[in-house]
Amino acid sequence: MKNFKAFESFVNAVMAMFLAFMGIFIFANVVLRYFFNSGITWAEEFSRFLFVWLVYMGAIGALKDNNHLGFTSLVQKLPPLAKKICFLISNALVLICLGVLFEGSIAMTAMTTHTLSPATGIPLAYMYAVGILTSAGMFLITCRNLYQAIFVKGTIDTLVVLKGSEEEISLKKETKGEING
């Protein structure tokens, strides 16, 4: 568990670094174009690479924290057995989609190993390789969730969580007297 927290911190630091580099590259490019009528030719393309990696890495983190969008208001009203069945079916579908993503990413990565991006000269395979990592990471998280749903008693209620809007959450806190204001 300690190694997992260290890995999670590392991934979060990498995502923060990608976001910072994107901001710096885009800002520098805008300033150079506006004031000096020139720019960094590779900055926009490299920022696009960083953005794609940032989004895919964020998707793994969102799945781990159970923050993806879902329609759970109906499922939460079901009895525990029906809730578990719905969870198992939906996660089986997720595993199928991740398999398709994995196969497609492997194919695209293999096809683009010798294709270079126009401005940076980086092989486009690096752009598509993130799909392999994302599908593998999300596969492991989904399998862990399925294991917990099947074998750990009472976990289904923590796995099927209704996430409300920020206004609803703050309103609930206000009615409970948790916010002093």
C-alpha atoms as a PDB file:
ATOM      1  CA  MET A   1       0.000   0.000   0.000  1.00  0.00           C
ATOM      2  CA  LYS A   2       2.893   2.319   0.786  1.00  0.00           C
ATOM      3  CA  ASN A   3       4.421   1.685  -2.649  1.00  0.00           C
ATOM      4  CA  PHE A   4       1.056   2.434  -4.264  1.00  0.00           C
ATOM      5  CA  LYS A   5       0.860   5.806  -2.481  1.00  0.00           C
ATOM      6  CA  ALA A   6       4.394   6.618  -3.627  1.00  0.00           C
ATOM      7  CA  PHE A   7       3.487   5.671  -7.198  1.00  0.00           C
ATOM      8  CA  GLU A   8       0.312   7.779  -7.000  1.00  0.00           C
ATOM      9  CA  SER A   9       2.342  10.754  -5.764  1.00  0.00           C
ATOM     10  CA  PHE A  10       4.806  10.257  -8.610  1.00  0.00           C
ATOM     11  CA  VAL A  11       2.022  10.166 -11.221  1.00  0.00           C
ATOM     12  CA  ASN A  12       0.431  13.295  -9.734  1.00  0.00           C
ATOM     13  CA  ALA A  13       3.800  15.071  -9.837  1.00  0.00           C
ATOM     14  CA  VAL A  14       4.294  14.081 -13.487  1.00  0.00           C
ATOM     15  CA  MET A  15       0.815  15.362 -14.363  1.00  0.00           C
ATOM     16  CA  ALA A  16       1.538  18.657 -12.583  1.00  0.00           C
ATOM     17  CA  MET A  17       4.833  18.930 -14.467  1.00  0.00           C
ATOM     18  CA  PHE A  18       3.076  18.266 -17.804  1.00  0.00           C
ATOM     19  CA  LEU A  19       0.497  20.943 -17.019  1.00  0.00           C
ATOM     20  CA  ALA A  20       3.211  23.439 -16.050  1.00  0.00           C
ATOM     21  CA  PHE A  21       5.204  22.775 -19.221  1.00  0.00           C
ATOM     22  CA  MET A  22       2.066  23.158 -21.332  1.00  0.00           C
ATOM     23  CA  GLY A  23       1.346  26.520 -19.743  1.00  0.00           C
ATOM     24  CA  ILE A  24       4.919  27.720 -20.175  1.00  0.00           C
ATOM     25  CA  PHE A  25       5.161  26.608 -23.819  1.00  0.00           C
ATOM     26  CA  ILE A  26       1.824  28.102 -24.831  1.00  0.00           C
ATOM     27  CA  PHE A  27       2.438  31.358 -22.941  1.00  0.00           C
ATOM     28  CA  ALA A  28       5.920  31.744 -24.435  1.00  0.00           C
ATOM     29  CA  ASN A  29       4.584  31.041 -27.896  1.00  0.00           C
ATOM     30  CA  VAL A  30       1.792  33.617 -27.532  1.00  0.00           C
ATOM     31  CA  VAL A  31       4.219  36.266 -26.274  1.00  0.00           C
ATOM     32  CA  LEU A  32       6.682  35.561 -29.073  1.00  0.00           C
ATOM     33  CA  ARG A  33       3.972  35.714 -31.728  1.00  0.00           C
ATOM     34  CA  TYR A  34       2.353  38.859 -30.365  1.00  0.00           C
ATOM     35  CA  PHE A  35       5.457  40.921 -29.640  1.00  0.00           C
ATOM     36  CA  PHE A  36       8.109  39.516 -31.974  1.00  0.00           C
ATOM     37  CA  ASN A  37       6.039  38.117 -34.838  1.00  0.00           C
ATOM     38  CA  SER A  38       7.711  34.727 -34.468  1.00  0.00           C
ATOM     39  CA  GLY A  39       7.180  31.649 -32.362  1.00  0.00           C
ATOM     40  CA  ILE A  40       8.487  28.305 -31.246  1.00  0.00           C
ATOM     41  CA  THR A  41       7.530  25.950 -34.046  1.00  0.00           C
ATOM     42  CA  TRP A  42       7.413  22.814 -31.914  1.00  0.00           C
ATOM     43  CA  ALA A  43       5.699  24.290 -28.810  1.00  0.00           C
ATOM     44  CA  GLU A  44       2.100  23.804 -29.934  1.00  0.00           C
ATOM     45  CA  GLU A  45       2.644  20.234 -31.054  1.00  0.00           C
ATOM     46  CA  PHE A  46       4.581  19.263 -27.941  1.00  0.00           C
ATOM     47  CA  SER A  47       1.884  20.857 -25.767  1.00  0.00           C
ATOM     48  CA  ARG A  48      -0.680  18.725 -27.591  1.00  0.00           C
ATOM     49  CA  PHE A  49       1.355  15.603 -26.765  1.00  0.00           C
ATOM     50  CA  LEU A  50       1.525  16.634 -23.119  1.00  0.00           C
ATOM     51  CA  PHE A  51      -2.204  17.349 -23.046  1.00  0.00           C
ATOM     52  CA  VAL A  52      -3.094  13.912 -24.404  1.00  0.00           C
ATOM     53  CA  TRP A  53      -0.861  12.216 -21.846  1.00  0.00           C
ATOM     54  CA  LEU A  54      -2.273  14.414 -19.073  1.00  0.00           C
ATOM     55  CA  VAL A  55      -5.872  13.519 -19.968  1.00  0.00           C
ATOM     56  CA  TYR A  56      -5.198   9.791 -20.134  1.00  0.00           C
ATOM     57  CA  MET A  57      -3.236   9.779 -16.875  1.00  0.00           C
ATOM     58  CA  GLY A  58      -6.026  11.777 -15.244  1.00  0.00           C
ATOM     59  CA  ALA A  59      -8.551   9.173 -16.415  1.00  0.00           C
ATOM     60  CA  ILE A  60      -6.652   6.504 -14.502  1.00  0.00           C
ATOM     61  CA  GLY A  61      -6.646   8.649 -11.362  1.00  0.00           C
ATOM     62  CA  ALA A  62     -10.341   9.442 -11.713  1.00  0.00           C
ATOM     63  CA  LEU A  63     -11.193   5.742 -11.990  1.00  0.00           C
ATOM     64  CA  LYS A  64      -9.067   4.948  -8.953  1.00  0.00           C
ATOM     65  CA  ASP A  65     -10.892   7.602  -6.926  1.00  0.00           C
ATOM     66  CA  ASN A  66     -14.285   6.577  -8.375  1.00  0.00           C
ATOM     67  CA  ASN A  67     -14.801  10.049  -9.862  1.00  0.00           C
ATOM     68  CA  HIS A  68     -15.953   9.131 -13.359  1.00  0.00           C
ATOM     69  CA  LEU A  69     -19.457  10.128 -14.346  1.00  0.00           C
ATOM     70  CA  GLY A  70     -22.056   7.476 -13.794  1.00  0.00           C
ATOM     71  CA  PHE A  71     -25.774   7.026 -13.451  1.00  0.00           C
ATOM     72  CA  THR A  72     -25.939   5.675  -9.910  1.00  0.00           C
ATOM     73  CA  SER A  73     -29.099   7.292  -8.577  1.00  0.00           C
ATOM     74  CA  LEU A  74     -31.209   4.347  -9.767  1.00  0.00           C
ATOM     75  CA  VAL A  75     -28.648   1.707  -8.824  1.00  0.00           C
ATOM     76  CA  GLN A  76     -28.336   3.039  -5.273  1.00  0.00           C
ATOM     77  CA  LYS A  77     -32.042   2.429  -4.686  1.00  0.00           C
ATOM     78  CA  LEU A  78     -31.733  -1.255  -5.579  1.00  0.00           C
ATOM     79  CA  PRO A  79     -31.326  -4.013  -2.975  1.00  0.00           C
ATOM     80  CA  PRO A  80     -27.703  -5.101  -2.339  1.00  0.00           C
ATOM     81  CA  LEU A  81     -27.812  -8.168  -4.608  1.00  0.00           C
ATOM     82  CA  ALA A  82     -29.272  -6.240  -7.565  1.00  0.00           C
ATOM     83  CA  LYS A  83     -26.788  -3.435  -6.929  1.00  0.00           C
ATOM     84  CA  LYS A  84     -23.949  -5.942  -7.048  1.00  0.00           C
ATOM     85  CA  ILE A  85     -25.254  -7.495 -10.276  1.00  0.00           C
ATOM     86  CA  CYS A  86     -25.503  -4.076 -11.968  1.00  0.00           C
ATOM     87  CA  PHE A  87     -21.990  -3.227 -10.792  1.00  0.00           C
ATOM     88  CA  LEU A  88     -20.582  -6.511 -12.107  1.00  0.00           C
ATOM     89  CA  ILE A  89     -22.279  -6.122 -15.498  1.00  0.00           C
ATOM     90  CA  SER A  90     -21.163  -2.509 -15.934  1.00  0.00           C
ATOM     91  CA  ASN A  91     -17.585  -3.317 -14.975  1.00  0.00           C
ATOM     92  CA  ALA A  92     -17.547  -6.322 -17.310  1.00  0.00           C
ATOM     93  CA  LEU A  93     -18.499  -3.896 -20.100  1.00  0.00           C
ATOM     94  CA  VAL A  94     -15.719  -1.563 -18.957  1.00  0.00           C
ATOM     95  CA  LEU A  95     -13.222  -4.445 -19.199  1.00  0.00           C
ATOM     96  CA  ILE A  96     -14.396  -5.183 -22.750  1.00  0.00           C
ATOM     97  CA  CYS A  97     -13.951  -1.512 -23.718  1.00  0.00           C
ATOM     98  CA  LEU A  98     -10.506  -1.469 -22.139  1.00  0.00           C
ATOM     99  CA  GLY A  99      -9.586  -4.554 -24.171  1.00  0.00           C
ATOM    100  CA  VAL A 100     -10.634  -2.754 -27.352  1.00  0.00           C
ATOM    101  CA  LEU A 101      -8.628   0.327 -26.295  1.00  0.00           C
ATOM    102  CA  PHE A 102      -5.592  -1.857 -25.544  1.00  0.00           C
ATOM    103  CA  GLU A 103      -5.715  -3.660 -28.901  1.00  0.00           C
ATOM    104  CA  GLY A 104      -6.292  -0.444 -30.831  1.00  0.00           C
ATOM    105  CA  SER A 105      -3.481   1.342 -29.011  1.00  0.00           C
ATOM    106  CA  ILE A 106      -1.051  -1.493 -29.702  1.00  0.00           C
ATOM    107  CA  ALA A 107      -2.000  -1.441 -33.382  1.00  0.00           C
ATOM    108  CA  MET A 108      -1.686   2.360 -33.674  1.00  0.00           C
ATOM    109  CA  THR A 109       1.599   2.390 -31.750  1.00  0.00           C
ATOM    110  CA  ALA A 110       3.032  -0.289 -34.040  1.00  0.00           C
ATOM    111  CA  MET A 111       1.821   1.486 -37.182  1.00  0.00           C
ATOM    112  CA  THR A 112       3.277   4.861 -36.201  1.00  0.00           C
ATOM    113  CA  THR A 113       6.720   3.886 -34.895  1.00  0.00           C
ATOM    114  CA  HIS A 114       8.361   5.252 -38.044  1.00  0.00           C
ATOM    115  CA  THR A 115       5.968   8.168 -38.577  1.00  0.00           C
ATOM    116  CA  LEU A 116       7.403  11.375 -37.192  1.00  0.00           C
ATOM    117  CA  SER A 117       5.385  14.362 -36.064  1.00  0.00           C
ATOM    118  CA  PRO A 118       5.933  17.352 -38.355  1.00  0.00           C
ATOM    119  CA  ALA A 119       7.241  19.978 -35.932  1.00  0.00           C
ATOM    120  CA  THR A 120       9.037  18.024 -33.214  1.00  0.00           C
ATOM    121  CA  GLY A 121      10.178  14.963 -35.132  1.00  0.00           C
ATOM    122  CA  ILE A 122       9.000  12.733 -32.274  1.00  0.00           C
ATOM    123  CA  PRO A 123       7.592   9.359 -33.401  1.00  0.00           C
ATOM    124  CA  LEU A 124       3.795   9.420 -33.222  1.00  0.00           C
ATOM    125  CA  ALA A 125       3.985   6.059 -31.462  1.00  0.00           C
ATOM    126  CA  TYR A 126       4.645   8.011 -28.247  1.00  0.00           C
ATOM    127  CA  MET A 127       1.259   9.661 -28.650  1.00  0.00           C
ATOM    128  CA  TYR A 128      -0.576   6.348 -28.999  1.00  0.00           C
ATOM    129  CA  ALA A 129       1.449   4.446 -26.386  1.00  0.00           C
ATOM    130  CA  VAL A 130      -0.442   6.247 -23.641  1.00  0.00           C
ATOM    131  CA  GLY A 131      -3.519   4.198 -24.602  1.00  0.00           C
ATOM    132  CA  ILE A 132      -1.629   1.024 -23.754  1.00  0.00           C
ATOM    133  CA  LEU A 133      -0.638   2.341 -20.331  1.00  0.00           C
ATOM    134  CA  THR A 134      -4.092   3.731 -19.647  1.00  0.00           C
ATOM    135  CA  SER A 135      -5.944   0.573 -20.594  1.00  0.00           C
ATOM    136  CA  ALA A 136      -3.554  -1.559 -18.509  1.00  0.00           C
ATOM    137  CA  GLY A 137      -3.836   0.726 -15.466  1.00  0.00           C
ATOM    138  CA  MET A 138      -7.615   0.990 -15.711  1.00  0.00           C
ATOM    139  CA  PHE A 139      -7.846  -2.787 -16.225  1.00  0.00           C
ATOM    140  CA  LEU A 140      -6.017  -3.391 -12.940  1.00  0.00           C
ATOM    141  CA  ILE A 141      -8.188  -0.901 -11.063  1.00  0.00           C
ATOM    142  CA  THR A 142     -11.403  -2.382 -12.497  1.00  0.00           C
ATOM    143  CA  CYS A 143     -10.277  -5.907 -11.594  1.00  0.00           C
ATOM    144  CA  ARG A 144      -9.540  -4.733  -8.053  1.00  0.00           C
ATOM    145  CA  ASN A 145     -13.010  -3.191  -7.826  1.00  0.00           C
ATOM    146  CA  LEU A 146     -14.613  -6.380  -9.145  1.00  0.00           C
ATOM    147  CA  TYR A 147     -12.666  -8.462  -6.630  1.00  0.00           C
ATOM    148  CA  GLN A 148     -13.814  -6.208  -3.806  1.00  0.00           C
ATOM    149  CA  ALA A 149     -17.417  -6.299  -4.996  1.00  0.00           C
ATOM    150  CA  ILE A 150     -17.438 -10.097  -5.142  1.00  0.00           C
ATOM    151  CA  PHE A 151     -15.346 -11.121  -2.145  1.00  0.00           C
ATOM    152  CA  VAL A 152     -15.303  -8.234   0.359  1.00  0.00           C
ATOM    153  CA  LYS A 153     -18.584  -8.039   2.224  1.00  0.00           C
ATOM    154  CA  GLY A 154     -20.299  -4.645   2.292  1.00  0.00           C
ATOM    155  CA  THR A 155     -18.004  -2.941  -0.223  1.00  0.00           C
ATOM    156  CA  ILE A 156     -20.631  -2.543  -2.905  1.00  0.00           C
ATOM    157  CA  ASP A 157     -22.029   0.535  -1.163  1.00  0.00           C
ATOM    158  CA  THR A 158     -18.630   2.251  -1.286  1.00  0.00           C
ATOM    159  CA  LEU A 159     -18.074   1.255  -4.915  1.00  0.00           C
ATOM    160  CA  VAL A 160     -21.477   2.516  -6.113  1.00  0.00           C
ATOM    161  CA  VAL A 161     -21.412   6.069  -4.844  1.00  0.00           C
ATOM    162  CA  LEU A 162     -23.769   8.888  -5.792  1.00  0.00           C
ATOM    163  CA  LYS A 163     -21.731  12.029  -6.344  1.00  0.00           C
ATOM    164  CA  GLY A 164     -23.769  15.187  -6.008  1.00  0.00           C
ATOM    165  CA  SER A 165     -23.035  18.617  -7.312  1.00  0.00           C
ATOM    166  CA  GLU A 166     -20.961  21.004  -5.226  1.00  0.00           C
ATOM    167  CA  GLU A 167     -24.071  23.025  -4.429  1.00  0.00           C
ATOM    168  CA  GLU A 168     -25.879  19.941  -3.100  1.00  0.00           C
ATOM    169  CA  ILE A 169     -22.914  18.944  -0.966  1.00  0.00           C
ATOM    170  CA  SER A 170     -22.504  22.418   0.532  1.00  0.00           C
ATOM    171  CA  LEU A 171     -26.262  22.618   1.133  1.00  0.00           C
ATOM    172  CA  LYS A 172     -26.160  19.323   3.024  1.00  0.00           C
ATOM    173  CA  LYS A 173     -23.248  20.579   5.119  1.00  0.00           C
ATOM    174  CA  GLU A 174     -25.123  23.789   5.897  1.00  0.00           C
ATOM    175  CA  THR A 175     -28.209  21.894   7.022  1.00  0.00           C
ATOM    176  CA  LYS A 176     -26.068  19.712   9.271  1.00  0.00           C
ATOM    177  CA  GLY A 177     -24.409  22.808  10.747  1.00  0.00           C
ATOM    178  CA  GLU A 178     -20.944  21.900   9.491  1.00  0.00           C
ATOM    179  CA  ILE A 179     -20.372  25.263   7.814  1.00  0.00           C
ATOM    180  CA  ASN A 180     -20.146  28.316  10.032  1.00  0.00           C
ATOM    181  CA  GLY A 181     -20.897  31.352   8.149  1.00  0.00           C
END
